[in-house]
Amino acid sequence: MKNTMLPRKRDVRFLLCEDIRQEGASKSSLLGLIPGERFMVGGPPPPGAPSNVAFVLPSLAFMFIIGGGRGSYKGRFKIVAPDKKTVIVDTPTDKAIQLVQDRTGVFATGTKPFVGPGFGTYTVQFEIGDAKFKFPMVIEKGPLNPKAP
């Protein structure tokens, strides 16, 4: 019997939020959960930002819930800009991703700040061993001067 098995696309879920706080060995708090993979950023870029920066978010966090597979794998997290060429984030995991059969695995990471070169569909990619899981993240341009309530 083979001791390792990579998860399949249907085994991996993606959650997007402003930040993630570890509460213990098996519990996390998601702060500012963004329902779905689409959200809007309003206002102008920060003063002094380079011309290739469309927006800056103080924090953006990503959680991947893995419901299949088994074994120990190297992992990697990437974000590719809407132009499909510019890599915004490319980070290997600090330690191996451990998947245990019939148990849910979780991998969480974030970027502080998240600097966006443009609006559109970003590709969020999570790699486990040789398996690559890609998810869209759509960032739309909101009003430059949001009205106060």
Foldseek 3Di string as FASTA:
>chain_A
DDQWDDADQVQKDKWKAFDWADPDDPDIDGHGTDPDQEDEDEAAADPPDDPQFGHKAQKMKMKMKGQDIADWFKKWKWKAAPVNPRTQDIGTDPGTFGDDGRDIGMDMDMDGMRTHRDFAWMWIWMDTHPDIHIDIHGYHYDYNDDDDD
